[in-house]
Amino acid sequence: MEEFIKLMQLWTDYLKGHPKSDFADFCRFYLANHIQQATKVPGAKLPKPTTTDSLFMMTVTRSTLSFWVYMRIALRDTDLPAIEDIMVCSALFQLGESRKTDVINHAMMEISTGTDILNRLIKKGFVHQRVDPDDKRSKLLTLTASGTSTLKKCFAKAGMAREFFLADLTETDKKLVAKILDPLQEKHSRLAVASKGKTIEEIHAEIFKKRTNHKR
């Protein structure tokens, strides 16, 4: 009962400073500020960033880099040993028959890099291309039966890596993080592709100008 009373007091105090927030916002606030990691990794004593933004990005980035290491291990004995190959094939798998630029943008690569990968996959027989009947200058790309079969085998390997990578998180943990990050990836997966030709200063200025206008 004491813990419940304490929780309700925290909820009351939170509402005083955040009157427009709901209970879900409070739960996220509570988890971020009152729950400490139950497990500590022996020997992992990295210097912690001093700002929340830096800590957040370090956490996301190093988690992603760690998973990429496992992915390279998982894929090295397959016919698609490069993560970039998987990204392109996965894009085609999700999109279906598509133009080269759409596939490369979906995989969030530079055009030159994506083109080289696609050419290599075409030579291997994993991707088929044909002339676009609506635009003779363009090519339409699809995964071949061989490419689809190979990709699914790679998905199985990747699934093993994903399973043990997330093993220390509960289902609730994963749902919470996904709920927080999904809107972020939805926004920036589109914005990042659209901003390829701009400088970082231009992107920064445009985003904060929109945020300022939105608050008015």
N, C-alpha and C. Protein backbone atom coordinates (compact mmCIF):
# COMPACT_ATOMS: atom_id res chain seq x y z
N MET A 1 0.82 -1.20 0.00
CA MET A 1 0.00 0.00 0.00
C MET A 1 0.86 1.26 0.00
N GLU A 2 1.98 1.20 0.76
CA GLU A 2 2.87 2.36 0.82
C GLU A 2 3.42 2.70 -0.56
N GLU A 3 3.77 1.66 -1.34
CA GLU A 3 4.29 1.89 -2.69
C GLU A 3 3.24 2.52 -3.58
N PHE A 4 1.99 2.10 -3.41
CA PHE A 4 0.90 2.67 -4.20
C PHE A 4 0.69 4.14 -3.87
N ILE A 5 0.71 4.45 -2.57
CA ILE A 5 0.55 5.85 -2.14
C ILE A 5 1.69 6.71 -2.68
N LYS A 6 2.90 6.16 -2.63
CA LYS A 6 4.06 6.88 -3.14
C LYS A 6 3.91 7.13 -4.64
N LEU A 7 3.43 6.12 -5.37
CA LEU A 7 3.24 6.26 -6.81
C LEU A 7 2.20 7.32 -7.13
N MET A 8 1.10 7.33 -6.38
CA MET A 8 0.06 8.33 -6.61
C MET A 8 0.56 9.74 -6.30
N GLN A 9 1.42 9.86 -5.30
CA GLN A 9 1.99 11.18 -4.99
C GLN A 9 2.90 11.66 -6.12
N LEU A 10 3.68 10.73 -6.67
CA LEU A 10 4.52 11.09 -7.81
C LEU A 10 3.68 11.52 -9.01
N TRP A 11 2.58 10.79 -9.24
CA TRP A 11 1.65 11.11 -10.33
C TRP A 11 1.04 12.50 -10.13
N THR A 12 0.68 12.81 -8.87
CA THR A 12 0.12 14.13 -8.56
C THR A 12 1.15 15.23 -8.79
N ASP A 13 2.37 14.99 -8.33
CA ASP A 13 3.44 15.98 -8.51
C ASP A 13 3.75 16.19 -9.99
N TYR A 14 3.72 15.10 -10.75
CA TYR A 14 3.99 15.19 -12.19
C TYR A 14 2.93 16.03 -12.88
N LEU A 15 1.68 15.86 -12.53
CA LEU A 15 0.59 16.61 -13.15
C LEU A 15 0.70 18.11 -12.90
N LYS A 16 1.25 18.48 -11.75
CA LYS A 16 1.42 19.91 -11.45
C LYS A 16 2.33 20.59 -12.47
N GLY A 17 3.36 19.87 -12.88
CA GLY A 17 4.30 20.44 -13.86
C GLY A 17 3.94 20.13 -15.29
N HIS A 18 3.05 19.14 -15.49
CA HIS A 18 2.66 18.72 -16.84
C HIS A 18 1.14 18.52 -16.90
N PRO A 19 0.39 19.60 -16.76
CA PRO A 19 -1.08 19.49 -16.65
C PRO A 19 -1.78 18.89 -17.86
N LYS A 20 -1.14 18.93 -19.04
CA LYS A 20 -1.77 18.41 -20.26
C LYS A 20 -1.36 16.97 -20.55
N SER A 21 -0.55 16.39 -19.70
CA SER A 21 -0.08 15.03 -19.94
C SER A 21 -1.10 14.00 -19.43
N ASP A 22 -1.01 12.79 -19.97
CA ASP A 22 -1.88 11.71 -19.50
C ASP A 22 -1.05 10.69 -18.72
N PHE A 23 -1.70 9.61 -18.29
CA PHE A 23 -1.02 8.64 -17.45
C PHE A 23 0.10 7.91 -18.19
N ALA A 24 -0.09 7.72 -19.51
CA ALA A 24 0.95 7.07 -20.31
C ALA A 24 2.22 7.91 -20.31
N ASP A 25 2.05 9.26 -20.40
CA ASP A 25 3.22 10.15 -20.35
C ASP A 25 3.92 10.01 -19.01
N PHE A 26 3.13 9.94 -17.93
CA PHE A 26 3.72 9.78 -16.60
C PHE A 26 4.49 8.47 -16.48
N CYS A 27 3.92 7.41 -17.03
CA CYS A 27 4.60 6.11 -16.96
C CYS A 27 5.96 6.16 -17.64
N ARG A 28 6.01 6.82 -18.81
CA ARG A 28 7.30 6.95 -19.49
C ARG A 28 8.27 7.79 -18.68
N PHE A 29 7.75 8.86 -18.08
CA PHE A 29 8.57 9.73 -17.22
C PHE A 29 9.12 8.93 -16.04
N TYR A 30 8.24 8.15 -15.42
CA TYR A 30 8.65 7.36 -14.25
C TYR A 30 9.73 6.35 -14.61
N LEU A 31 9.52 5.64 -15.72
CA LEU A 31 10.50 4.64 -16.14
C LEU A 31 11.85 5.28 -16.43
N ALA A 32 11.83 6.46 -17.06
CA ALA A 32 13.08 7.13 -17.44
C ALA A 32 13.82 7.67 -16.23
N ASN A 33 13.09 8.03 -15.16
CA ASN A 33 13.72 8.73 -14.05
C ASN A 33 13.82 7.96 -12.74
N HIS A 34 13.08 6.84 -12.61
CA HIS A 34 13.04 6.16 -11.32
C HIS A 34 13.42 4.69 -11.37
N ILE A 35 13.47 4.11 -12.57
CA ILE A 35 13.82 2.70 -12.66
C ILE A 35 15.26 2.54 -13.11
N GLN A 36 16.08 1.87 -12.34
CA GLN A 36 17.48 1.64 -12.69
C GLN A 36 17.62 0.27 -13.32
N GLN A 37 18.62 0.12 -14.13
CA GLN A 37 18.87 -1.17 -14.76
C GLN A 37 19.14 -2.23 -13.69
N ALA A 38 18.42 -3.35 -13.80
CA ALA A 38 18.58 -4.42 -12.82
C ALA A 38 19.88 -5.18 -13.02
N THR A 39 20.35 -5.23 -14.26
CA THR A 39 21.57 -5.97 -14.54
C THR A 39 22.66 -5.04 -15.01
N LYS A 40 23.87 -5.31 -14.60
CA LYS A 40 25.02 -4.53 -15.02
C LYS A 40 25.97 -5.43 -15.79
N VAL A 41 26.50 -4.94 -16.89
CA VAL A 41 27.40 -5.73 -17.70
C VAL A 41 28.81 -5.62 -17.13
N PRO A 42 29.41 -6.75 -16.72
CA PRO A 42 30.76 -6.71 -16.15
C PRO A 42 31.76 -6.10 -17.12
N GLY A 43 32.55 -5.19 -16.61
CA GLY A 43 33.63 -4.62 -17.41
C GLY A 43 33.21 -3.55 -18.40
N ALA A 44 31.92 -3.32 -18.55
CA ALA A 44 31.45 -2.32 -19.53
C ALA A 44 31.36 -0.96 -18.86
N LYS A 45 32.49 -0.30 -18.71
CA LYS A 45 32.53 1.00 -18.04
C LYS A 45 32.87 2.09 -19.03
N LEU A 46 31.91 2.40 -19.89
CA LEU A 46 32.08 3.49 -20.84
C LEU A 46 31.74 4.80 -20.17
N PRO A 47 32.45 5.87 -20.50
CA PRO A 47 32.07 7.18 -19.94
C PRO A 47 30.68 7.57 -20.42
N LYS A 48 29.83 8.00 -19.49
CA LYS A 48 28.46 8.34 -19.83
C LYS A 48 28.37 9.80 -20.28
N PRO A 49 27.65 10.06 -21.35
CA PRO A 49 27.44 11.45 -21.79
C PRO A 49 26.75 12.25 -20.70
N THR A 50 26.95 13.54 -20.72
CA THR A 50 26.42 14.41 -19.67
C THR A 50 25.04 14.97 -20.00
N THR A 51 24.59 14.83 -21.24
CA THR A 51 23.27 15.33 -21.60
C THR A 51 22.35 14.18 -21.97
N THR A 52 21.06 14.39 -21.80
CA THR A 52 20.08 13.36 -22.12
C THR A 52 20.11 13.01 -23.61
N ASP A 53 20.22 14.03 -24.47
CA ASP A 53 20.27 13.79 -25.91
C ASP A 53 21.46 12.91 -26.28
N SER A 54 22.62 13.22 -25.73
CA SER A 54 23.82 12.45 -26.04
C SER A 54 23.72 11.02 -25.50
N LEU A 55 23.16 10.88 -24.30
CA LEU A 55 22.99 9.55 -23.73
C LEU A 55 22.03 8.72 -24.57
N PHE A 56 20.95 9.36 -25.01
CA PHE A 56 19.96 8.67 -25.84
C PHE A 56 20.59 8.18 -27.14
N MET A 57 21.32 9.06 -27.82
CA MET A 57 21.91 8.69 -29.10
C MET A 57 23.02 7.65 -28.93
N MET A 58 23.79 7.75 -27.84
CA MET A 58 24.82 6.74 -27.59
C MET A 58 24.18 5.37 -27.40
N THR A 59 23.08 5.34 -26.65
CA THR A 59 22.38 4.08 -26.39
C THR A 59 21.86 3.46 -27.68
N VAL A 60 21.19 4.27 -28.49
CA VAL A 60 20.63 3.77 -29.75
C VAL A 60 21.74 3.35 -30.71
N THR A 61 22.76 4.19 -30.85
CA THR A 61 23.82 3.93 -31.82
C THR A 61 24.64 2.70 -31.45
N ARG A 62 25.06 2.60 -30.19
CA ARG A 62 25.90 1.47 -29.80
C ARG A 62 25.10 0.16 -29.78
N SER A 63 23.81 0.25 -29.48
CA SER A 63 22.97 -0.95 -29.57
C SER A 63 22.89 -1.43 -31.02
N THR A 64 22.71 -0.47 -31.94
CA THR A 64 22.63 -0.82 -33.36
C THR A 64 23.94 -1.41 -33.86
N LEU A 65 25.06 -0.78 -33.48
CA LEU A 65 26.37 -1.26 -33.91
C LEU A 65 26.65 -2.67 -33.37
N SER A 66 26.23 -2.92 -32.13
CA SER A 66 26.41 -4.25 -31.54
C SER A 66 25.61 -5.29 -32.32
N PHE A 67 24.38 -4.92 -32.66
CA PHE A 67 23.54 -5.86 -33.41
C PHE A 67 24.11 -6.12 -34.79
N TRP A 68 24.69 -5.10 -35.44
CA TRP A 68 25.32 -5.29 -36.75
C TRP A 68 26.47 -6.31 -36.66
N VAL A 69 27.21 -6.29 -35.55
CA VAL A 69 28.28 -7.28 -35.38
C VAL A 69 27.69 -8.69 -35.40
N TYR A 70 26.61 -8.89 -34.66
CA TYR A 70 25.95 -10.20 -34.64
C TYR A 70 25.39 -10.56 -36.02
N MET A 71 24.86 -9.56 -36.71
CA MET A 71 24.32 -9.81 -38.04
C MET A 71 25.40 -10.26 -39.02
N ARG A 72 26.56 -9.65 -38.95
CA ARG A 72 27.66 -10.05 -39.85
C ARG A 72 28.08 -11.48 -39.56
N ILE A 73 28.08 -11.84 -38.27
CA ILE A 73 28.40 -13.23 -37.91
C ILE A 73 27.34 -14.18 -38.45
N ALA A 74 26.07 -13.78 -38.31
CA ALA A 74 24.96 -14.62 -38.75
C ALA A 74 24.96 -14.83 -40.26
N LEU A 75 25.37 -13.79 -41.00
CA LEU A 75 25.25 -13.83 -42.46
C LEU A 75 26.49 -14.32 -43.19
N ARG A 76 27.60 -14.46 -42.49
CA ARG A 76 28.86 -14.69 -43.20
C ARG A 76 28.92 -16.02 -43.96
N ASP A 77 28.10 -17.00 -43.57
CA ASP A 77 28.08 -18.28 -44.28
C ASP A 77 26.90 -18.39 -45.24
N THR A 78 26.23 -17.27 -45.51
CA THR A 78 25.08 -17.29 -46.44
C THR A 78 25.52 -16.74 -47.80
N ASP A 79 24.59 -16.75 -48.75
CA ASP A 79 24.87 -16.20 -50.07
C ASP A 79 24.68 -14.68 -50.13
N LEU A 80 24.28 -14.09 -48.99
CA LEU A 80 24.16 -12.63 -48.89
C LEU A 80 24.90 -12.19 -47.62
N PRO A 81 26.23 -12.28 -47.64
CA PRO A 81 26.98 -12.03 -46.42
C PRO A 81 27.09 -10.56 -46.01
N ALA A 82 26.79 -9.64 -46.93
CA ALA A 82 26.89 -8.22 -46.61
C ALA A 82 25.54 -7.69 -46.13
N ILE A 83 25.54 -6.95 -45.03
CA ILE A 83 24.31 -6.38 -44.50
C ILE A 83 23.64 -5.50 -45.54
N GLU A 84 24.45 -4.78 -46.34
CA GLU A 84 23.89 -3.89 -47.36
C GLU A 84 23.09 -4.68 -48.41
N ASP A 85 23.55 -5.88 -48.74
CA ASP A 85 22.82 -6.73 -49.68
C ASP A 85 21.45 -7.10 -49.11
N ILE A 86 21.43 -7.42 -47.81
CA ILE A 86 20.17 -7.77 -47.14
C ILE A 86 19.22 -6.57 -47.15
N MET A 87 19.76 -5.39 -46.91
CA MET A 87 18.92 -4.18 -46.87
C MET A 87 18.25 -3.94 -48.22
N VAL A 88 19.00 -4.12 -49.30
CA VAL A 88 18.44 -3.91 -50.64
C VAL A 88 17.43 -4.99 -50.99
N CYS A 89 17.76 -6.25 -50.70
CA CYS A 89 16.82 -7.33 -50.98
C CYS A 89 15.56 -7.21 -50.13
N SER A 90 15.73 -6.79 -48.89
CA SER A 90 14.57 -6.59 -48.01
C SER A 90 13.67 -5.48 -48.54
N ALA A 91 14.29 -4.43 -49.07
CA ALA A 91 13.51 -3.33 -49.65
C ALA A 91 12.67 -3.83 -50.81
N LEU A 92 13.27 -4.63 -51.69
CA LEU A 92 12.54 -5.20 -52.83
C LEU A 92 11.46 -6.18 -52.36
N PHE A 93 11.77 -6.95 -51.32
CA PHE A 93 10.82 -7.90 -50.77
C PHE A 93 9.57 -7.18 -50.26
N GLN A 94 9.78 -6.04 -49.61
CA GLN A 94 8.67 -5.27 -49.05
C GLN A 94 7.92 -4.48 -50.11
N LEU A 95 8.65 -3.90 -51.06
CA LEU A 95 8.04 -3.01 -52.04
C LEU A 95 7.41 -3.75 -53.22
N GLY A 96 7.93 -4.93 -53.53
CA GLY A 96 7.53 -5.58 -54.78
C GLY A 96 8.25 -4.92 -55.94
N GLU A 97 7.79 -5.15 -57.15
CA GLU A 97 8.46 -4.58 -58.32
C GLU A 97 8.53 -3.06 -58.20
N SER A 98 9.74 -2.53 -58.33
CA SER A 98 9.94 -1.10 -58.09
C SER A 98 11.07 -0.56 -58.95
N ARG A 99 11.09 0.76 -59.06
CA ARG A 99 12.18 1.42 -59.75
C ARG A 99 13.41 1.45 -58.85
N LYS A 100 14.58 1.53 -59.49
CA LYS A 100 15.84 1.49 -58.76
C LYS A 100 15.92 2.55 -57.68
N THR A 101 15.54 3.78 -58.01
CA THR A 101 15.64 4.87 -57.04
C THR A 101 14.77 4.62 -55.82
N ASP A 102 13.58 4.07 -56.04
CA ASP A 102 12.68 3.80 -54.91
C ASP A 102 13.26 2.73 -53.99
N VAL A 103 13.88 1.73 -54.59
CA VAL A 103 14.49 0.66 -53.80
C VAL A 103 15.65 1.20 -52.97
N ILE A 104 16.49 1.98 -53.60
CA ILE A 104 17.67 2.52 -52.92
C ILE A 104 17.26 3.48 -51.81
N ASN A 105 16.26 4.31 -52.07
CA ASN A 105 15.79 5.24 -51.03
C ASN A 105 15.16 4.49 -49.87
N HIS A 106 14.42 3.42 -50.16
CA HIS A 106 13.81 2.62 -49.10
C HIS A 106 14.88 1.99 -48.22
N ALA A 107 15.99 1.60 -48.85
CA ALA A 107 17.12 1.02 -48.10
C ALA A 107 17.99 2.10 -47.47
N MET A 108 17.66 3.38 -47.74
CA MET A 108 18.35 4.54 -47.16
C MET A 108 19.84 4.54 -47.47
N MET A 109 20.15 4.40 -48.78
CA MET A 109 21.53 4.40 -49.25
C MET A 109 21.74 5.53 -50.24
N GLU A 110 23.00 5.80 -50.52
CA GLU A 110 23.33 6.71 -51.60
C GLU A 110 23.09 6.00 -52.93
N ILE A 111 22.74 6.76 -53.95
CA ILE A 111 22.41 6.18 -55.25
C ILE A 111 23.56 5.34 -55.80
N SER A 112 24.77 5.87 -55.72
CA SER A 112 25.92 5.16 -56.28
C SER A 112 26.17 3.83 -55.56
N THR A 113 26.07 3.85 -54.24
CA THR A 113 26.26 2.62 -53.46
C THR A 113 25.16 1.61 -53.76
N GLY A 114 23.91 2.07 -53.76
CA GLY A 114 22.79 1.18 -54.04
C GLY A 114 22.85 0.60 -55.43
N THR A 115 23.28 1.41 -56.41
CA THR A 115 23.38 0.93 -57.79
C THR A 115 24.41 -0.18 -57.92
N ASP A 116 25.57 0.00 -57.26
CA ASP A 116 26.61 -1.04 -57.29
C ASP A 116 26.09 -2.35 -56.68
N ILE A 117 25.37 -2.25 -55.58
CA ILE A 117 24.84 -3.44 -54.92
C ILE A 117 23.81 -4.13 -55.81
N LEU A 118 22.92 -3.34 -56.40
CA LEU A 118 21.90 -3.92 -57.28
C LEU A 118 22.53 -4.61 -58.49
N ASN A 119 23.54 -4.00 -59.07
CA ASN A 119 24.23 -4.62 -60.22
C ASN A 119 24.85 -5.96 -59.82
N ARG A 120 25.41 -6.00 -58.62
CA ARG A 120 26.00 -7.25 -58.14
C ARG A 120 24.93 -8.32 -57.91
N LEU A 121 23.79 -7.90 -57.37
CA LEU A 121 22.70 -8.85 -57.10
C LEU A 121 22.06 -9.35 -58.40
N ILE A 122 22.04 -8.49 -59.41
CA ILE A 122 21.52 -8.90 -60.72
C ILE A 122 22.43 -9.96 -61.34
N LYS A 123 23.74 -9.75 -61.23
CA LYS A 123 24.70 -10.72 -61.78
C LYS A 123 24.59 -12.07 -61.07
N LYS A 124 24.26 -12.03 -59.78
CA LYS A 124 24.12 -13.28 -59.03
C LYS A 124 22.80 -13.99 -59.30
N GLY A 125 21.91 -13.30 -59.98
CA GLY A 125 20.62 -13.90 -60.28
C GLY A 125 19.59 -13.73 -59.17
N PHE A 126 19.88 -12.85 -58.20
CA PHE A 126 18.95 -12.63 -57.09
C PHE A 126 17.92 -11.53 -57.42
N VAL A 127 18.25 -10.67 -58.37
CA VAL A 127 17.35 -9.58 -58.76
C VAL A 127 17.19 -9.60 -60.27
N HIS A 128 15.96 -9.40 -60.72
CA HIS A 128 15.66 -9.33 -62.16
C HIS A 128 15.25 -7.91 -62.51
N GLN A 129 15.67 -7.44 -63.67
CA GLN A 129 15.26 -6.11 -64.12
C GLN A 129 14.65 -6.18 -65.52
N ARG A 130 13.68 -5.31 -65.75
CA ARG A 130 13.07 -5.20 -67.07
C ARG A 130 12.79 -3.73 -67.35
N VAL A 131 12.63 -3.40 -68.61
CA VAL A 131 12.35 -2.02 -69.00
C VAL A 131 10.95 -1.64 -68.52
N ASP A 132 10.84 -0.46 -67.94
CA ASP A 132 9.54 0.05 -67.48
C ASP A 132 8.70 0.39 -68.71
N PRO A 133 7.56 -0.26 -68.91
CA PRO A 133 6.75 0.02 -70.11
C PRO A 133 6.21 1.45 -70.16
N ASP A 134 6.14 2.10 -69.00
CA ASP A 134 5.65 3.47 -68.95
C ASP A 134 6.76 4.50 -69.11
N ASP A 135 8.01 4.06 -69.02
CA ASP A 135 9.15 4.97 -69.15
C ASP A 135 10.34 4.13 -69.61
N LYS A 136 10.61 4.14 -70.91
CA LYS A 136 11.64 3.29 -71.50
C LYS A 136 13.04 3.58 -70.94
N ARG A 137 13.20 4.73 -70.31
CA ARG A 137 14.52 5.08 -69.76
C ARG A 137 14.75 4.43 -68.40
N SER A 138 13.69 3.91 -67.79
CA SER A 138 13.79 3.35 -66.45
C SER A 138 13.71 1.82 -66.47
N LYS A 139 14.21 1.23 -65.41
CA LYS A 139 14.14 -0.22 -65.24
C LYS A 139 13.30 -0.56 -64.00
N LEU A 140 12.55 -1.63 -64.07
CA LEU A 140 11.80 -2.13 -62.94
C LEU A 140 12.51 -3.36 -62.38
N LEU A 141 12.61 -3.43 -61.07
CA LEU A 141 13.37 -4.49 -60.42
C LEU A 141 12.46 -5.37 -59.57
N THR A 142 12.76 -6.66 -59.55
CA THR A 142 12.05 -7.59 -58.68
C THR A 142 13.04 -8.61 -58.13
N LEU A 143 12.71 -9.18 -56.99
CA LEU A 143 13.49 -10.29 -56.47
C LEU A 143 13.14 -11.54 -57.28
N THR A 144 14.11 -12.31 -57.64
CA THR A 144 13.85 -13.57 -58.31
C THR A 144 13.46 -14.63 -57.26
N ALA A 145 13.04 -15.78 -57.73
CA ALA A 145 12.71 -16.87 -56.81
C ALA A 145 13.94 -17.24 -55.98
N SER A 146 15.10 -17.23 -56.64
CA SER A 146 16.35 -17.55 -55.94
C SER A 146 16.66 -16.49 -54.90
N GLY A 147 16.44 -15.23 -55.27
CA GLY A 147 16.70 -14.14 -54.33
C GLY A 147 15.78 -14.20 -53.13
N THR A 148 14.51 -14.51 -53.36
CA THR A 148 13.54 -14.60 -52.27
C THR A 148 13.89 -15.75 -51.34
N SER A 149 14.24 -16.89 -51.91
CA SER A 149 14.60 -18.05 -51.11
C SER A 149 15.83 -17.77 -50.25
N THR A 150 16.83 -17.15 -50.87
CA THR A 150 18.07 -16.83 -50.15
C THR A 150 17.80 -15.82 -49.04
N LEU A 151 16.97 -14.82 -49.33
CA LEU A 151 16.66 -13.80 -48.34
C LEU A 151 15.95 -14.41 -47.13
N LYS A 152 15.03 -15.33 -47.35
CA LYS A 152 14.30 -15.96 -46.25
C LYS A 152 15.24 -16.79 -45.37
N LYS A 153 16.23 -17.40 -45.97
CA LYS A 153 17.23 -18.13 -45.19
C LYS A 153 18.02 -17.16 -44.32
N CYS A 154 18.31 -15.99 -44.87
CA CYS A 154 19.03 -14.96 -44.11
C CYS A 154 18.16 -14.40 -42.99
N PHE A 155 16.86 -14.27 -43.25
CA PHE A 155 15.93 -13.81 -42.21
C PHE A 155 15.96 -14.76 -41.01
N ALA A 156 16.04 -16.06 -41.29
CA ALA A 156 16.08 -17.05 -40.21
C ALA A 156 17.34 -16.87 -39.37
N LYS A 157 18.47 -16.63 -40.03
CA LYS A 157 19.73 -16.38 -39.31
C LYS A 157 19.63 -15.09 -38.51
N ALA A 158 19.08 -14.04 -39.13
CA ALA A 158 18.93 -12.76 -38.46
C ALA A 158 18.00 -12.89 -37.26
N GLY A 159 16.99 -13.75 -37.38
CA GLY A 159 16.07 -13.98 -36.28
C GLY A 159 16.76 -14.54 -35.06
N MET A 160 17.75 -15.40 -35.26
CA MET A 160 18.51 -15.95 -34.15
C MET A 160 19.27 -14.85 -33.43
N ALA A 161 19.90 -13.95 -34.22
CA ALA A 161 20.63 -12.82 -33.64
C ALA A 161 19.68 -11.91 -32.86
N ARG A 162 18.53 -11.64 -33.47
CA ARG A 162 17.55 -10.76 -32.82
C ARG A 162 17.05 -11.38 -31.51
N GLU A 163 16.85 -12.70 -31.51
CA GLU A 163 16.30 -13.38 -30.34
C GLU A 163 17.20 -13.23 -29.12
N PHE A 164 18.50 -13.48 -29.28
CA PHE A 164 19.36 -13.37 -28.11
C PHE A 164 19.75 -11.92 -27.81
N PHE A 165 19.71 -11.04 -28.82
CA PHE A 165 20.02 -9.63 -28.59
C PHE A 165 18.97 -9.00 -27.66
N LEU A 166 17.72 -9.41 -27.82
CA LEU A 166 16.61 -8.83 -27.04
C LEU A 166 16.20 -9.68 -25.85
N ALA A 167 16.97 -10.72 -25.57
CA ALA A 167 16.55 -11.70 -24.56
C ALA A 167 16.40 -11.10 -23.17
N ASP A 168 17.12 -10.04 -22.84
CA ASP A 168 17.05 -9.46 -21.50
C ASP A 168 15.90 -8.48 -21.32
N LEU A 169 15.15 -8.23 -22.40
CA LEU A 169 14.02 -7.31 -22.31
C LEU A 169 12.71 -8.08 -22.21
N THR A 170 11.78 -7.55 -21.43
CA THR A 170 10.45 -8.16 -21.36
C THR A 170 9.63 -7.70 -22.56
N GLU A 171 8.50 -8.36 -22.76
CA GLU A 171 7.60 -7.96 -23.84
C GLU A 171 7.13 -6.52 -23.64
N THR A 172 6.89 -6.15 -22.40
CA THR A 172 6.46 -4.78 -22.08
C THR A 172 7.56 -3.78 -22.41
N ASP A 173 8.81 -4.13 -22.07
CA ASP A 173 9.94 -3.26 -22.40
C ASP A 173 9.99 -2.98 -23.90
N LYS A 174 9.88 -4.06 -24.67
CA LYS A 174 10.00 -3.93 -26.13
C LYS A 174 8.86 -3.11 -26.71
N LYS A 175 7.65 -3.32 -26.20
CA LYS A 175 6.51 -2.56 -26.69
C LYS A 175 6.65 -1.07 -26.36
N LEU A 176 7.15 -0.78 -25.17
CA LEU A 176 7.32 0.61 -24.75
C LEU A 176 8.34 1.33 -25.62
N VAL A 177 9.50 0.70 -25.83
CA VAL A 177 10.55 1.32 -26.64
C VAL A 177 10.08 1.49 -28.08
N ALA A 178 9.41 0.46 -28.61
CA ALA A 178 8.91 0.54 -29.99
C ALA A 178 7.88 1.67 -30.13
N LYS A 179 7.02 1.82 -29.12
CA LYS A 179 6.00 2.87 -29.16
C LYS A 179 6.64 4.25 -29.17
N ILE A 180 7.73 4.40 -28.43
CA ILE A 180 8.42 5.69 -28.37
C ILE A 180 9.18 5.98 -29.66
N LEU A 181 9.86 4.95 -30.19
CA LEU A 181 10.76 5.18 -31.33
C LEU A 181 10.08 5.11 -32.69
N ASP A 182 8.94 4.43 -32.77
CA ASP A 182 8.31 4.26 -34.08
C ASP A 182 7.96 5.59 -34.76
N PRO A 183 7.35 6.55 -34.07
CA PRO A 183 7.07 7.84 -34.72
C PRO A 183 8.36 8.54 -35.18
N LEU A 184 9.44 8.35 -34.42
CA LEU A 184 10.72 8.96 -34.78
C LEU A 184 11.24 8.39 -36.09
N GLN A 185 11.20 7.06 -36.23
CA GLN A 185 11.71 6.44 -37.45
C GLN A 185 10.78 6.73 -38.63
N GLU A 186 9.48 6.80 -38.39
CA GLU A 186 8.54 7.12 -39.47
C GLU A 186 8.85 8.49 -40.05
N LYS A 187 9.08 9.45 -39.18
CA LYS A 187 9.37 10.82 -39.62
C LYS A 187 10.71 10.91 -40.33
N HIS A 188 11.75 10.39 -39.70
CA HIS A 188 13.10 10.64 -40.21
C HIS A 188 13.52 9.69 -41.32
N SER A 189 12.85 8.54 -41.47
CA SER A 189 13.17 7.70 -42.63
C SER A 189 12.74 8.39 -43.91
N ARG A 190 11.70 9.21 -43.83
CA ARG A 190 11.29 10.00 -45.00
C ARG A 190 12.13 11.27 -45.13
N LEU A 191 12.31 11.96 -44.03
CA LEU A 191 13.02 13.23 -44.05
C LEU A 191 14.48 13.07 -44.45
N ALA A 192 15.12 12.02 -43.95
CA ALA A 192 16.54 11.81 -44.25
C ALA A 192 16.77 11.62 -45.74
N VAL A 193 15.89 10.84 -46.37
CA VAL A 193 16.01 10.61 -47.82
C VAL A 193 15.78 11.90 -48.59
N ALA A 194 14.77 12.67 -48.18
CA ALA A 194 14.45 13.92 -48.87
C ALA A 194 15.52 14.99 -48.67
N SER A 195 16.37 14.82 -47.66
CA SER A 195 17.35 15.85 -47.31
C SER A 195 18.76 15.53 -47.77
N LYS A 196 18.93 14.49 -48.60
CA LYS A 196 20.27 14.06 -48.99
C LYS A 196 21.11 15.17 -49.62
N GLY A 197 20.47 16.07 -50.40
CA GLY A 197 21.25 17.11 -51.09
C GLY A 197 21.49 18.36 -50.28
N LYS A 198 21.04 18.38 -49.02
CA LYS A 198 21.16 19.58 -48.20
C LYS A 198 22.31 19.46 -47.21
N THR A 199 22.72 20.60 -46.67
CA THR A 199 23.73 20.58 -45.62
C THR A 199 23.04 20.32 -44.28
N ILE A 200 23.82 19.92 -43.30
CA ILE A 200 23.24 19.66 -41.98
C ILE A 200 22.68 20.93 -41.38
N GLU A 201 23.31 22.08 -41.70
CA GLU A 201 22.81 23.36 -41.20
C GLU A 201 21.44 23.69 -41.79
N GLU A 202 21.26 23.38 -43.06
CA GLU A 202 19.97 23.63 -43.72
C GLU A 202 18.87 22.75 -43.14
N ILE A 203 19.19 21.48 -42.92
CA ILE A 203 18.20 20.56 -42.34
C ILE A 203 17.82 21.02 -40.94
N HIS A 204 18.83 21.38 -40.15
CA HIS A 204 18.61 21.84 -38.77
C HIS A 204 17.69 23.06 -38.75
N ALA A 205 17.99 24.02 -39.62
CA ALA A 205 17.20 25.26 -39.66
C ALA A 205 15.75 24.99 -40.08
N GLU A 206 15.55 24.12 -41.08
CA GLU A 206 14.21 23.83 -41.56
C GLU A 206 13.36 23.13 -40.50
N ILE A 207 13.95 22.17 -39.81
CA ILE A 207 13.21 21.42 -38.81
C ILE A 207 12.77 22.32 -37.67
N PHE A 208 13.70 23.16 -37.19
CA PHE A 208 13.34 24.00 -36.04
C PHE A 208 12.45 25.17 -36.43
N LYS A 209 12.50 25.57 -37.69
CA LYS A 209 11.57 26.59 -38.16
C LYS A 209 10.16 26.02 -38.17
N LYS A 210 9.99 24.77 -38.63
CA LYS A 210 8.68 24.13 -38.62
C LYS A 210 8.17 23.91 -37.21
N ARG A 211 9.05 23.53 -36.30
CA ARG A 211 8.64 23.32 -34.92
C ARG A 211 8.18 24.63 -34.28
N THR A 212 8.88 25.72 -34.60
CA THR A 212 8.51 27.03 -34.05
C THR A 212 7.17 27.48 -34.58
N ASN A 213 6.97 27.29 -35.89
CA ASN A 213 5.70 27.69 -36.52
C ASN A 213 4.53 26.85 -35.96
N HIS A 214 4.82 25.59 -35.69
CA HIS A 214 3.78 24.69 -35.20
C HIS A 214 3.30 25.10 -33.79
N LYS A 215 4.23 25.64 -32.98
CA LYS A 215 3.88 26.01 -31.60
C LYS A 215 3.08 27.30 -31.54
N ARG A 216 3.12 28.11 -32.61
CA ARG A 216 2.43 29.40 -32.59
C ARG A 216 0.91 29.21 -32.71
